[in-house]
Amino acid sequence: MPLPELIDQLRSGDRVALGKAITLVESTREQDREQAVDLVESARPYSGKALRLGITGIPGAGKSTLIDPLGRLAINAGHRVAVLATDPSSQRSGGSILGDKTRMEELARSEHAFIRPSANNGTLGGVARRTQESIVLCEAAGYDLILVETVGIGQSELEVDRMTDLNVLLTLPGTGDELQGIKRGVMESADVIVLTKASSTEQGRYHEARSALRNALAFLPPRDRGTRAQVFVTDALSGTGMAELWQHIVELAQEDEASGYRAQRRQRQQVQWLHHAFREGIFQRVMADGAFAEALAALEEPVRQGEVGPFKAASELLSRFRTGA
């Protein structure tokens, strides 16, 4: 499809066109890269007005299950919701189940929602390789609430904090997060913490966990806006605590916009993604160079046999890169 036509369909809110656009930016084919860059750059003037919300947490915390009622609350409040869900890829086959959408049945039926599962394809940090670009495309298509659901890999899930306005961390009692709170990691990047799956028979256990988390948060520095995360107790299936959680997110977003904090945060994120895109581009250019690829292949066997260490071999490759040999 010609790029101007795709942009026009995207701007009209066509979900099929949005899906095609995301497929293009996710393509690993070299011949698609230039068109994908042009597409994102054409969409960028129409983006930037949505609330970008990260949903992260340990596997099994109920991220997809919580997104379903949260998204419906947002739609009832007049929003259009896009969900960018990340699924882990197999290290052996490269395949992914992409099953997150099955836990968002009611949200998926809404004409005001768009749900896109993507494989992480080995990308670290909990998000897919092109999530940042996909956010821009969703906003250009008229979605004003973007929910970015991470893989759920634990303390290293920090990339989502570099592309969203607010980061919501989901956890469960007894997972150790009360103690993990004093460590540097995903707890430090949370704007809101949610204890999920709070059945009526376990209220006491959940309130104890909430108190423990609040105490642990006192050991962490506040977020850049000067506040620490509040802790909520919810049950997505029954709806317990969901309205309170949504209201807090709305109020926090309004405060950040009014104070100018959101604009400052996004400016920092833009520079971070410049560095990210540059590093990725350099790596791709280097690996596309035939002579460099041959030099790398020639060093693999000596490293495998223990004749030379990996750090020494990497140093030699870097020397070749610097001298252009």
C-alpha atoms as a PDB file:
ATOM      1  CA  MET A   1       0.000   0.000   0.000  1.00  0.00           C
ATOM      2  CA  PRO A   2       1.382   3.453  -0.896  1.00  0.00           C
ATOM      3  CA  LEU A   3       2.532   5.337   2.188  1.00  0.00           C
ATOM      4  CA  PRO A   4       0.156   8.348   1.780  1.00  0.00           C
ATOM      5  CA  GLU A   5      -2.808   5.995   1.469  1.00  0.00           C
ATOM      6  CA  LEU A   6      -1.740   4.046   4.562  1.00  0.00           C
ATOM      7  CA  ILE A   7      -1.355   7.277   6.547  1.00  0.00           C
ATOM      8  CA  ASP A   8      -4.817   8.462   5.470  1.00  0.00           C
ATOM      9  CA  GLN A   9      -6.413   5.174   6.539  1.00  0.00           C
ATOM     10  CA  LEU A  10      -4.445   5.237   9.781  1.00  0.00           C
ATOM     11  CA  ARG A  11      -5.621   8.779  10.550  1.00  0.00           C
ATOM     12  CA  SER A  12      -9.221   7.711   9.951  1.00  0.00           C
ATOM     13  CA  GLY A  13      -8.914   5.185  12.784  1.00  0.00           C
ATOM     14  CA  ASP A  14      -8.987   2.110  10.547  1.00  0.00           C
ATOM     15  CA  ARG A  15      -7.882  -0.785  12.776  1.00  0.00           C
ATOM     16  CA  VAL A  16      -6.856  -2.925   9.795  1.00  0.00           C
ATOM     17  CA  ALA A  17      -4.589  -0.134   8.556  1.00  0.00           C
ATOM     18  CA  LEU A  18      -3.122   0.233  12.051  1.00  0.00           C
ATOM     19  CA  GLY A  19      -2.372  -3.480  12.134  1.00  0.00           C
ATOM     20  CA  LYS A  20      -0.655  -3.266   8.743  1.00  0.00           C
ATOM     21  CA  ALA A  21       1.358  -0.243   9.879  1.00  0.00           C
ATOM     22  CA  ILE A  22       2.611  -2.032  12.996  1.00  0.00           C
ATOM     23  CA  THR A  23       3.469  -5.104  10.926  1.00  0.00           C
ATOM     24  CA  LEU A  24       5.573  -2.894   8.667  1.00  0.00           C
ATOM     25  CA  VAL A  25       7.551  -1.319  11.521  1.00  0.00           C
ATOM     26  CA  GLU A  26       8.052  -4.748  13.125  1.00  0.00           C
ATOM     27  CA  SER A  27       9.424  -6.209   9.901  1.00  0.00           C
ATOM     28  CA  THR A  28      13.055  -7.321  10.061  1.00  0.00           C
ATOM     29  CA  ARG A  29      13.475  -7.126   6.283  1.00  0.00           C
ATOM     30  CA  GLU A  30      16.036  -4.531   5.252  1.00  0.00           C
ATOM     31  CA  GLN A  31      13.892  -3.402   2.305  1.00  0.00           C
ATOM     32  CA  ASP A  32      11.041  -2.467   4.702  1.00  0.00           C
ATOM     33  CA  ARG A  33      13.174  -0.365   7.031  1.00  0.00           C
ATOM     34  CA  GLU A  34      13.217   2.884   5.036  1.00  0.00           C
ATOM     35  CA  GLN A  35       9.465   2.822   4.467  1.00  0.00           C
ATOM     36  CA  ALA A  36       8.884   2.037   8.156  1.00  0.00           C
ATOM     37  CA  VAL A  37      11.001   5.031   9.211  1.00  0.00           C
ATOM     38  CA  ASP A  38       9.076   7.284   6.792  1.00  0.00           C
ATOM     39  CA  LEU A  39       5.774   5.922   8.119  1.00  0.00           C
ATOM     40  CA  VAL A  40       6.616   6.658  11.761  1.00  0.00           C
ATOM     41  CA  GLU A  41       7.959  10.111  10.883  1.00  0.00           C
ATOM     42  CA  SER A  42       4.747  10.891   8.944  1.00  0.00           C
ATOM     43  CA  ALA A  43       2.636   9.727  11.895  1.00  0.00           C
ATOM     44  CA  ARG A  44       4.637  11.599  14.533  1.00  0.00           C
ATOM     45  CA  PRO A  45       2.939  15.031  14.100  1.00  0.00           C
ATOM     46  CA  TYR A  46      -0.397  13.362  14.952  1.00  0.00           C
ATOM     47  CA  SER A  47       0.921  11.622  18.089  1.00  0.00           C
ATOM     48  CA  GLY A  48       1.826  12.687  21.606  1.00  0.00           C
ATOM     49  CA  LYS A  49      -1.608  13.465  23.056  1.00  0.00           C
ATOM     50  CA  ALA A  50      -2.406  10.058  24.576  1.00  0.00           C
ATOM     51  CA  LEU A  51      -1.753   8.838  28.098  1.00  0.00           C
ATOM     52  CA  ARG A  52       0.867   6.102  27.913  1.00  0.00           C
ATOM     53  CA  LEU A  53       0.491   3.556  30.694  1.00  0.00           C
ATOM     54  CA  GLY A  54       2.908   0.697  31.389  1.00  0.00           C
ATOM     55  CA  ILE A  55       1.517  -2.488  32.948  1.00  0.00           C
ATOM     56  CA  THR A  56       4.310  -4.658  34.327  1.00  0.00           C
ATOM     57  CA  GLY A  57       4.839  -7.318  36.978  1.00  0.00           C
ATOM     58  CA  ILE A  58       5.813 -10.893  37.645  1.00  0.00           C
ATOM     59  CA  PRO A  59       4.408 -13.744  35.504  1.00  0.00           C
ATOM     60  CA  GLY A  60       1.010 -14.785  36.822  1.00  0.00           C
ATOM     61  CA  ALA A  61       0.216 -11.456  38.479  1.00  0.00           C
ATOM     62  CA  GLY A  62      -2.752 -11.012  36.130  1.00  0.00           C
ATOM     63  CA  LYS A  63      -1.616  -8.223  33.817  1.00  0.00           C
ATOM     64  CA  SER A  64      -3.902  -9.131  30.901  1.00  0.00           C
ATOM     65  CA  THR A  65      -6.786  -9.923  33.254  1.00  0.00           C
ATOM     66  CA  LEU A  66      -6.496  -6.497  34.887  1.00  0.00           C
ATOM     67  CA  ILE A  67      -6.207  -4.671  31.557  1.00  0.00           C
ATOM     68  CA  ASP A  68      -9.645  -5.959  30.496  1.00  0.00           C
ATOM     69  CA  PRO A  69     -11.725  -4.117  33.171  1.00  0.00           C
ATOM     70  CA  LEU A  70      -9.305  -1.173  33.279  1.00  0.00           C
ATOM     71  CA  GLY A  71      -9.684  -0.668  29.527  1.00  0.00           C
ATOM     72  CA  ARG A  72     -13.461  -0.916  29.776  1.00  0.00           C
ATOM     73  CA  LEU A  73     -13.525   1.717  32.529  1.00  0.00           C
ATOM     74  CA  ALA A  74     -11.503   3.998  30.276  1.00  0.00           C
ATOM     75  CA  ILE A  75     -13.834   3.419  27.312  1.00  0.00           C
ATOM     76  CA  ASN A  76     -16.858   4.165  29.505  1.00  0.00           C
ATOM     77  CA  ALA A  77     -15.126   7.455  30.363  1.00  0.00           C
ATOM     78  CA  GLY A  78     -14.914   8.315  26.651  1.00  0.00           C
ATOM     79  CA  HIS A  79     -11.430   7.069  25.758  1.00  0.00           C
ATOM     80  CA  ARG A  80     -10.203   4.965  22.847  1.00  0.00           C
ATOM     81  CA  VAL A  81      -7.857   2.272  24.131  1.00  0.00           C
ATOM     82  CA  ALA A  82      -4.917   0.571  22.438  1.00  0.00           C
ATOM     83  CA  VAL A  83      -3.181  -2.363  24.119  1.00  0.00           C
ATOM     84  CA  LEU A  84       0.338  -3.323  23.047  1.00  0.00           C
ATOM     85  CA  ALA A  85       1.014  -6.674  24.714  1.00  0.00           C
ATOM     86  CA  THR A  86       4.420  -8.361  24.652  1.00  0.00           C
ATOM     87  CA  ASP A  87       4.792 -12.141  24.619  1.00  0.00           C
ATOM     88  CA  PRO A  88       8.055 -14.005  25.259  1.00  0.00           C
ATOM     89  CA  SER A  89       9.638 -15.772  22.304  1.00  0.00           C
ATOM     90  CA  SER A  90      11.076 -19.258  22.487  1.00  0.00           C
ATOM     91  CA  GLN A  91      14.868 -19.264  22.634  1.00  0.00           C
ATOM     92  CA  ARG A  92      14.837 -22.468  20.554  1.00  0.00           C
ATOM     93  CA  SER A  93      12.152 -22.007  17.902  1.00  0.00           C
ATOM     94  CA  GLY A  94      11.665 -18.226  18.018  1.00  0.00           C
ATOM     95  CA  GLY A  95       7.888 -18.729  18.199  1.00  0.00           C
ATOM     96  CA  SER A  96       5.407 -17.106  20.596  1.00  0.00           C
ATOM     97  CA  ILE A  97       1.935 -18.069  21.787  1.00  0.00           C
ATOM     98  CA  LEU A  98       0.584 -14.486  21.663  1.00  0.00           C
ATOM     99  CA  GLY A  99      -2.237 -15.501  23.996  1.00  0.00           C
ATOM    100  CA  ASP A 100      -2.656 -12.305  26.017  1.00  0.00           C
ATOM    101  CA  LYS A 101      -5.653 -11.239  23.942  1.00  0.00           C
ATOM    102  CA  THR A 102      -7.653 -14.261  25.133  1.00  0.00           C
ATOM    103  CA  ARG A 103      -7.757 -12.757  28.643  1.00  0.00           C
ATOM    104  CA  MET A 104      -9.226  -9.497  27.333  1.00  0.00           C
ATOM    105  CA  GLU A 105     -12.387 -10.952  25.807  1.00  0.00           C
ATOM    106  CA  GLU A 106     -14.780  -8.132  26.662  1.00  0.00           C
ATOM    107  CA  LEU A 107     -12.317  -5.382  25.799  1.00  0.00           C
ATOM    108  CA  ALA A 108     -11.500  -7.090  22.489  1.00  0.00           C
ATOM    109  CA  ARG A 109     -15.167  -6.903  21.459  1.00  0.00           C
ATOM    110  CA  SER A 110     -15.277  -3.117  21.796  1.00  0.00           C
ATOM    111  CA  GLU A 111     -15.030  -1.036  18.630  1.00  0.00           C
ATOM    112  CA  HIS A 112     -13.173   1.561  20.716  1.00  0.00           C
ATOM    113  CA  ALA A 113     -10.310  -0.828  21.533  1.00  0.00           C
ATOM    114  CA  PHE A 114      -7.334  -2.136  19.579  1.00  0.00           C
ATOM    115  CA  ILE A 115      -5.261  -5.040  20.959  1.00  0.00           C
ATOM    116  CA  ARG A 116      -1.931  -5.998  19.403  1.00  0.00           C
ATOM    117  CA  PRO A 117       0.135  -8.885  20.834  1.00  0.00           C
ATOM    118  CA  SER A 118       3.765  -8.874  19.661  1.00  0.00           C
ATOM    119  CA  ALA A 119       6.672 -11.240  20.278  1.00  0.00           C
ATOM    120  CA  ASN A 120       9.692  -9.827  22.065  1.00  0.00           C
ATOM    121  CA  ASN A 121      12.033 -11.795  19.744  1.00  0.00           C
ATOM    122  CA  GLY A 122      14.726 -11.889  22.390  1.00  0.00           C
ATOM    123  CA  THR A 123      14.551  -8.152  23.162  1.00  0.00           C
ATOM    124  CA  LEU A 124      15.476  -7.516  26.794  1.00  0.00           C
ATOM    125  CA  GLY A 125      13.639  -5.156  29.128  1.00  0.00           C
ATOM    126  CA  GLY A 126      10.155  -6.663  28.897  1.00  0.00           C
ATOM    127  CA  VAL A 127       8.859  -5.000  25.710  1.00  0.00           C
ATOM    128  CA  ALA A 128       8.897  -5.799  22.003  1.00  0.00           C
ATOM    129  CA  ARG A 129      11.536  -4.466  19.629  1.00  0.00           C
ATOM    130  CA  ARG A 130       9.268  -1.857  18.031  1.00  0.00           C
ATOM    131  CA  THR A 131       6.900  -0.954  20.864  1.00  0.00           C
ATOM    132  CA  GLN A 132       8.005   2.685  20.884  1.00  0.00           C
ATOM    133  CA  GLU A 133       7.172   3.088  17.190  1.00  0.00           C
ATOM    134  CA  SER A 134       3.866   1.246  17.668  1.00  0.00           C
ATOM    135  CA  ILE A 135       2.852   3.761  20.355  1.00  0.00           C
ATOM    136  CA  VAL A 136       3.286   6.593  17.845  1.00  0.00           C
ATOM    137  CA  LEU A 137       1.163   4.762  15.254  1.00  0.00           C
ATOM    138  CA  CYS A 138      -1.634   4.028  17.762  1.00  0.00           C
ATOM    139  CA  GLU A 139      -1.758   7.678  18.805  1.00  0.00           C
ATOM    140  CA  ALA A 140      -1.884   8.802  15.163  1.00  0.00           C
ATOM    141  CA  ALA A 141      -4.859   6.470  14.712  1.00  0.00           C
ATOM    142  CA  GLY A 142      -6.743   8.359  17.431  1.00  0.00           C
ATOM    143  CA  TYR A 143      -6.202   6.171  20.499  1.00  0.00           C
ATOM    144  CA  ASP A 144      -5.796   8.362  23.564  1.00  0.00           C
ATOM    145  CA  LEU A 145      -4.928   5.672  26.122  1.00  0.00           C
ATOM    146  CA  ILE A 146      -2.053   3.346  25.265  1.00  0.00           C
ATOM    147  CA  LEU A 147      -1.536   0.371  27.575  1.00  0.00           C
ATOM    148  CA  VAL A 148       1.862  -1.302  27.199  1.00  0.00           C
ATOM    149  CA  GLU A 149       1.848  -4.759  28.783  1.00  0.00           C
ATOM    150  CA  THR A 150       5.281  -6.233  29.421  1.00  0.00           C
ATOM    151  CA  VAL A 151       6.427  -9.848  29.269  1.00  0.00           C
ATOM    152  CA  GLY A 152       6.632 -10.198  33.035  1.00  0.00           C
ATOM    153  CA  ILE A 153      10.232 -11.127  33.724  1.00  0.00           C
ATOM    154  CA  GLY A 154      10.873  -9.440  37.042  1.00  0.00           C
ATOM    155  CA  GLN A 155      13.380  -6.860  38.263  1.00  0.00           C
ATOM    156  CA  SER A 156      14.930  -6.115  34.832  1.00  0.00           C
ATOM    157  CA  GLU A 157      11.705  -4.850  33.229  1.00  0.00           C
ATOM    158  CA  LEU A 158      12.811  -1.243  32.966  1.00  0.00           C
ATOM    159  CA  GLU A 159      12.406  -0.407  29.266  1.00  0.00           C
ATOM    160  CA  VAL A 160       8.683   0.253  29.648  1.00  0.00           C
ATOM    161  CA  ASP A 161       9.520   3.112  32.041  1.00  0.00           C
ATOM    162  CA  ARG A 162      11.412   4.791  29.180  1.00  0.00           C
ATOM    163  CA  MET A 163       8.378   4.898  26.873  1.00  0.00           C
ATOM    164  CA  THR A 164       5.360   5.508  29.119  1.00  0.00           C
ATOM    165  CA  ASP A 165       4.016   8.336  31.286  1.00  0.00           C
ATOM    166  CA  LEU A 166       3.038   6.144  34.235  1.00  0.00           C
ATOM    167  CA  ASN A 167       4.217   2.682  35.210  1.00  0.00           C
ATOM    168  CA  VAL A 168       1.822   0.343  37.051  1.00  0.00           C
ATOM    169  CA  LEU A 169       3.463  -2.619  38.812  1.00  0.00           C
ATOM    170  CA  LEU A 170       1.333  -5.691  39.585  1.00  0.00           C
ATOM    171  CA  THR A 171       2.305  -8.164  42.284  1.00  0.00           C
ATOM    172  CA  LEU A 172       0.930 -10.798  44.649  1.00  0.00           C
ATOM    173  CA  PRO A 173       1.350 -11.415  48.393  1.00  0.00           C
ATOM    174  CA  GLY A 174       4.133 -13.815  49.270  1.00  0.00           C
ATOM    175  CA  THR A 175       6.249 -13.194  46.166  1.00  0.00           C
ATOM    176  CA  GLY A 176       8.978 -11.384  48.088  1.00  0.00           C
ATOM    177  CA  ASP A 177       8.315  -7.987  46.543  1.00  0.00           C
ATOM    178  CA  GLU A 178       7.922  -6.503  50.025  1.00  0.00           C
ATOM    179  CA  LEU A 179      11.659  -7.140  50.443  1.00  0.00           C
ATOM    180  CA  GLN A 180      12.568  -6.544  46.801  1.00  0.00           C
ATOM    181  CA  GLY A 181      11.290  -3.020  47.362  1.00  0.00           C
ATOM    182  CA  ILE A 182      14.550  -2.030  49.026  1.00  0.00           C
ATOM    183  CA  LYS A 183      16.507  -3.050  45.905  1.00  0.00           C
ATOM    184  CA  ARG A 184      17.089  -1.056  42.746  1.00  0.00           C
ATOM    185  CA  GLY A 185      14.944  -2.352  39.921  1.00  0.00           C
ATOM    186  CA  VAL A 186      11.378  -2.422  38.699  1.00  0.00           C
ATOM    187  CA  MET A 187      10.009  -1.435  42.130  1.00  0.00           C
ATOM    188  CA  GLU A 188      11.940   1.812  41.860  1.00  0.00           C
ATOM    189  CA  SER A 189      10.298   2.641  38.530  1.00  0.00           C
ATOM    190  CA  ALA A 190       6.705   2.097  39.688  1.00  0.00           C
ATOM    191  CA  ASP A 191       4.269   5.018  39.894  1.00  0.00           C
ATOM    192  CA  VAL A 192       1.459   2.765  41.157  1.00  0.00           C
ATOM    193  CA  ILE A 193       1.670  -0.688  42.784  1.00  0.00           C
ATOM    194  CA  VAL A 194      -1.288  -3.069  42.616  1.00  0.00           C
ATOM    195  CA  LEU A 195      -1.807  -6.233  44.640  1.00  0.00           C
ATOM    196  CA  THR A 196      -3.988  -8.365  42.360  1.00  0.00           C
ATOM    197  CA  LYS A 197      -6.352 -11.333  42.676  1.00  0.00           C
ATOM    198  CA  ALA A 198      -7.587 -10.235  46.114  1.00  0.00           C
ATOM    199  CA  SER A 199     -10.394 -12.705  46.841  1.00  0.00           C
ATOM    200  CA  SER A 200     -12.789 -11.941  49.690  1.00  0.00           C
ATOM    201  CA  THR A 201     -11.374 -14.792  51.788  1.00  0.00           C
ATOM    202  CA  GLU A 202      -7.836 -13.374  51.746  1.00  0.00           C
ATOM    203  CA  GLN A 203      -8.423  -9.716  52.595  1.00  0.00           C
ATOM    204  CA  GLY A 204      -6.340  -9.886  55.782  1.00  0.00           C
ATOM    205  CA  ARG A 205      -3.357 -11.344  53.932  1.00  0.00           C
ATOM    206  CA  TYR A 206      -3.582  -8.657  51.266  1.00  0.00           C
ATOM    207  CA  HIS A 207      -3.789  -5.797  53.755  1.00  0.00           C
ATOM    208  CA  GLU A 208      -0.682  -7.141  55.497  1.00  0.00           C
ATOM    209  CA  ALA A 209       1.112  -7.260  52.144  1.00  0.00           C
ATOM    210  CA  ARG A 210       0.007  -3.703  51.366  1.00  0.00           C
ATOM    211  CA  SER A 211       1.425  -2.471  54.680  1.00  0.00           C
ATOM    212  CA  ALA A 212       4.711  -4.308  54.014  1.00  0.00           C
ATOM    213  CA  LEU A 213       4.998  -2.752  50.556  1.00  0.00           C
ATOM    214  CA  ARG A 214       4.293   0.724  51.894  1.00  0.00           C
ATOM    215  CA  ASN A 215       7.071   0.259  54.457  1.00  0.00           C
ATOM    216  CA  ALA A 216       9.467  -1.020  51.779  1.00  0.00           C
ATOM    217  CA  LEU A 217       8.759   1.970  49.541  1.00  0.00           C
ATOM    218  CA  ALA A 218      10.081   4.264  52.256  1.00  0.00           C
ATOM    219  CA  PHE A 219      13.568   2.905  51.498  1.00  0.00           C
ATOM    220  CA  LEU A 220      13.367   3.959  47.852  1.00  0.00           C
ATOM    221  CA  PRO A 221      13.950   7.463  46.520  1.00  0.00           C
ATOM    222  CA  PRO A 222      10.777   9.183  45.298  1.00  0.00           C
ATOM    223  CA  ARG A 223      10.001   9.428  41.610  1.00  0.00           C
ATOM    224  CA  ASP A 224      11.208  12.536  39.770  1.00  0.00           C
ATOM    225  CA  ARG A 225       7.903  14.284  40.469  1.00  0.00           C
ATOM    226  CA  GLY A 226       8.682  13.980  44.179  1.00  0.00           C
ATOM    227  CA  THR A 227       6.119  11.323  45.116  1.00  0.00           C
ATOM    228  CA  ARG A 228       6.233   7.624  45.970  1.00  0.00           C
ATOM    229  CA  ALA A 229       3.959   4.937  44.576  1.00  0.00           C
ATOM    230  CA  GLN A 230       0.627   4.296  46.249  1.00  0.00           C
ATOM    231  CA  VAL A 231      -0.416   0.667  46.818  1.00  0.00           C
ATOM    232  CA  PHE A 232      -3.860  -0.618  45.753  1.00  0.00           C
ATOM    233  CA  VAL A 233      -5.622  -3.938  46.347  1.00  0.00           C
ATOM    234  CA  THR A 234      -7.756  -5.208  43.449  1.00  0.00           C
ATOM    235  CA  ASP A 235      -9.543  -8.214  42.044  1.00  0.00           C
ATOM    236  CA  ALA A 236     -10.046  -7.784  38.303  1.00  0.00           C
ATOM    237  CA  LEU A 237     -12.602 -10.585  37.953  1.00  0.00           C
ATOM    238  CA  SER A 238     -14.987  -9.221  40.575  1.00  0.00           C
ATOM    239  CA  GLY A 239     -14.085  -5.584  39.900  1.00  0.00           C
ATOM    240  CA  THR A 240     -12.960  -4.922  43.470  1.00  0.00           C
ATOM    241  CA  GLY A 241     -10.772  -1.827  43.661  1.00  0.00           C
ATOM    242  CA  MET A 242     -10.737  -1.213  39.898  1.00  0.00           C
ATOM    243  CA  ALA A 243     -12.681   2.058  39.941  1.00  0.00           C
ATOM    244  CA  GLU A 244     -10.403   3.445  42.665  1.00  0.00           C
ATOM    245  CA  LEU A 245      -7.308   2.388  40.716  1.00  0.00           C
ATOM    246  CA  TRP A 246      -8.563   4.018  37.505  1.00  0.00           C
ATOM    247  CA  GLN A 247      -9.472   7.235  39.327  1.00  0.00           C
ATOM    248  CA  HIS A 248      -5.996   7.434  40.876  1.00  0.00           C
ATOM    249  CA  ILE A 249      -4.347   6.923  37.471  1.00  0.00           C
ATOM    250  CA  VAL A 250      -6.480   9.704  35.969  1.00  0.00           C
ATOM    251  CA  GLU A 251      -5.660  12.110  38.814  1.00  0.00           C
ATOM    252  CA  LEU A 252      -1.936  11.316  38.676  1.00  0.00           C
ATOM    253  CA  ALA A 253      -1.891  11.865  34.908  1.00  0.00           C
ATOM    254  CA  GLN A 254      -3.711  15.191  35.252  1.00  0.00           C
ATOM    255  CA  GLU A 255      -1.259  16.386  37.912  1.00  0.00           C
ATOM    256  CA  ASP A 256       1.738  15.413  35.760  1.00  0.00           C
ATOM    257  CA  GLU A 257       0.325  17.245  32.754  1.00  0.00           C
ATOM    258  CA  ALA A 258      -0.551  20.386  34.723  1.00  0.00           C
ATOM    259  CA  SER A 259       2.875  20.573  36.402  1.00  0.00           C
ATOM    260  CA  GLY A 260       4.785  20.052  33.156  1.00  0.00           C
ATOM    261  CA  TYR A 261       6.343  16.846  34.480  1.00  0.00           C
ATOM    262  CA  ARG A 262       4.927  14.722  31.648  1.00  0.00           C
ATOM    263  CA  ALA A 263       6.403  17.008  28.975  1.00  0.00           C
ATOM    264  CA  GLN A 264       9.820  16.952  30.657  1.00  0.00           C
ATOM    265  CA  ARG A 265       9.681  13.172  31.024  1.00  0.00           C
ATOM    266  CA  ARG A 266       8.864  12.698  27.344  1.00  0.00           C
ATOM    267  CA  GLN A 267      11.694  14.987  26.295  1.00  0.00           C
ATOM    268  CA  ARG A 268      14.140  12.809  28.234  1.00  0.00           C
ATOM    269  CA  GLN A 269      12.610   9.696  26.695  1.00  0.00           C
ATOM    270  CA  GLN A 270      13.043  11.067  23.172  1.00  0.00           C
ATOM    271  CA  VAL A 271      16.781  11.505  23.756  1.00  0.00           C
ATOM    272  CA  GLN A 272      17.023   8.017  25.270  1.00  0.00           C
ATOM    273  CA  TRP A 273      15.370   6.538  22.191  1.00  0.00           C
ATOM    274  CA  LEU A 274      17.692   8.488  19.909  1.00  0.00           C
ATOM    275  CA  HIS A 275      20.606   6.711  21.605  1.00  0.00           C
ATOM    276  CA  HIS A 276      18.759   3.380  21.421  1.00  0.00           C
ATOM    277  CA  ALA A 277      18.005   3.717  17.709  1.00  0.00           C
ATOM    278  CA  PHE A 278      21.570   4.808  16.974  1.00  0.00           C
ATOM    279  CA  ARG A 279      23.069   1.811  18.801  1.00  0.00           C
ATOM    280  CA  GLU A 280      20.719  -0.555  16.992  1.00  0.00           C
ATOM    281  CA  GLY A 281      21.506   1.028  13.629  1.00  0.00           C
ATOM    282  CA  ILE A 282      25.269   0.798  14.196  1.00  0.00           C
ATOM    283  CA  PHE A 283      24.981  -2.892  15.101  1.00  0.00           C
ATOM    284  CA  GLN A 284      22.895  -3.649  12.000  1.00  0.00           C
ATOM    285  CA  ARG A 285      25.304  -1.761   9.730  1.00  0.00           C
ATOM    286  CA  VAL A 286      28.316  -3.562  11.184  1.00  0.00           C
ATOM    287  CA  MET A 287      26.715  -6.996  10.879  1.00  0.00           C
ATOM    288  CA  ALA A 288      25.721  -6.239   7.285  1.00  0.00           C
ATOM    289  CA  ASP A 289      29.390  -5.657   6.387  1.00  0.00           C
ATOM    290  CA  GLY A 290      30.712  -8.807   4.734  1.00  0.00           C
ATOM    291  CA  ALA A 291      34.324  -8.416   5.870  1.00  0.00           C
ATOM    292  CA  PHE A 292      33.306  -7.821   9.475  1.00  0.00           C
ATOM    293  CA  ALA A 293      30.938 -10.800   9.417  1.00  0.00           C
ATOM    294  CA  GLU A 294      33.800 -12.980   8.136  1.00  0.00           C
ATOM    295  CA  ALA A 295      36.111 -11.732  10.891  1.00  0.00           C
ATOM    296  CA  LEU A 296      33.459 -12.509  13.495  1.00  0.00           C
ATOM    297  CA  ALA A 297      32.887 -16.001  12.087  1.00  0.00           C
ATOM    298  CA  ALA A 298      36.647 -16.643  12.041  1.00  0.00           C
ATOM    299  CA  LEU A 299      36.878 -15.881  15.758  1.00  0.00           C
ATOM    300  CA  GLU A 300      33.966 -18.027  16.840  1.00  0.00           C
ATOM    301  CA  GLU A 301      35.793 -21.378  16.593  1.00  0.00           C
ATOM    302  CA  PRO A 302      38.907 -20.238  18.536  1.00  0.00           C
ATOM    303  CA  VAL A 303      36.590 -18.878  21.245  1.00  0.00           C
ATOM    304  CA  ARG A 304      34.600 -22.123  21.260  1.00  0.00           C
ATOM    305  CA  GLN A 305      37.800 -24.162  21.654  1.00  0.00           C
ATOM    306  CA  GLY A 306      39.126 -21.913  24.402  1.00  0.00           C
ATOM    307  CA  GLU A 307      42.121 -20.770  22.364  1.00  0.00           C
ATOM    308  CA  VAL A 308      41.180 -17.138  22.923  1.00  0.00           C
ATOM    309  CA  GLY A 309      38.840 -15.559  25.455  1.00  0.00           C
ATOM    310  CA  PRO A 310      35.581 -13.891  24.382  1.00  0.00           C
ATOM    311  CA  PHE A 311      36.642 -10.499  25.767  1.00  0.00           C
ATOM    312  CA  LYS A 312      39.956 -10.621  23.884  1.00  0.00           C
ATOM    313  CA  ALA A 313      38.150 -11.630  20.676  1.00  0.00           C
ATOM    314  CA  ALA A 314      35.621  -8.823  21.117  1.00  0.00           C
ATOM    315  CA  SER A 315      38.481  -6.354  21.648  1.00  0.00           C
ATOM    316  CA  GLU A 316      40.049  -7.493  18.373  1.00  0.00           C
ATOM    317  CA  LEU A 317      36.750  -7.018  16.541  1.00  0.00           C
ATOM    318  CA  LEU A 318      36.382  -3.528  17.981  1.00  0.00           C
ATOM    319  CA  SER A 319      39.916  -2.686  16.839  1.00  0.00           C
ATOM    320  CA  ARG A 320      38.984  -3.760  13.323  1.00  0.00           C
ATOM    321  CA  PHE A 321      35.866  -1.590  13.500  1.00  0.00           C
ATOM    322  CA  ARG A 322      37.794   1.489  14.677  1.00  0.00           C
ATOM    323  CA  THR A 323      40.482   1.141  11.984  1.00  0.00           C
ATOM    324  CA  GLY A 324      38.031   0.129   9.260  1.00  0.00           C
ATOM    325  CA  ALA A 325      40.059  -3.030   8.575  1.00  0.00           C
END
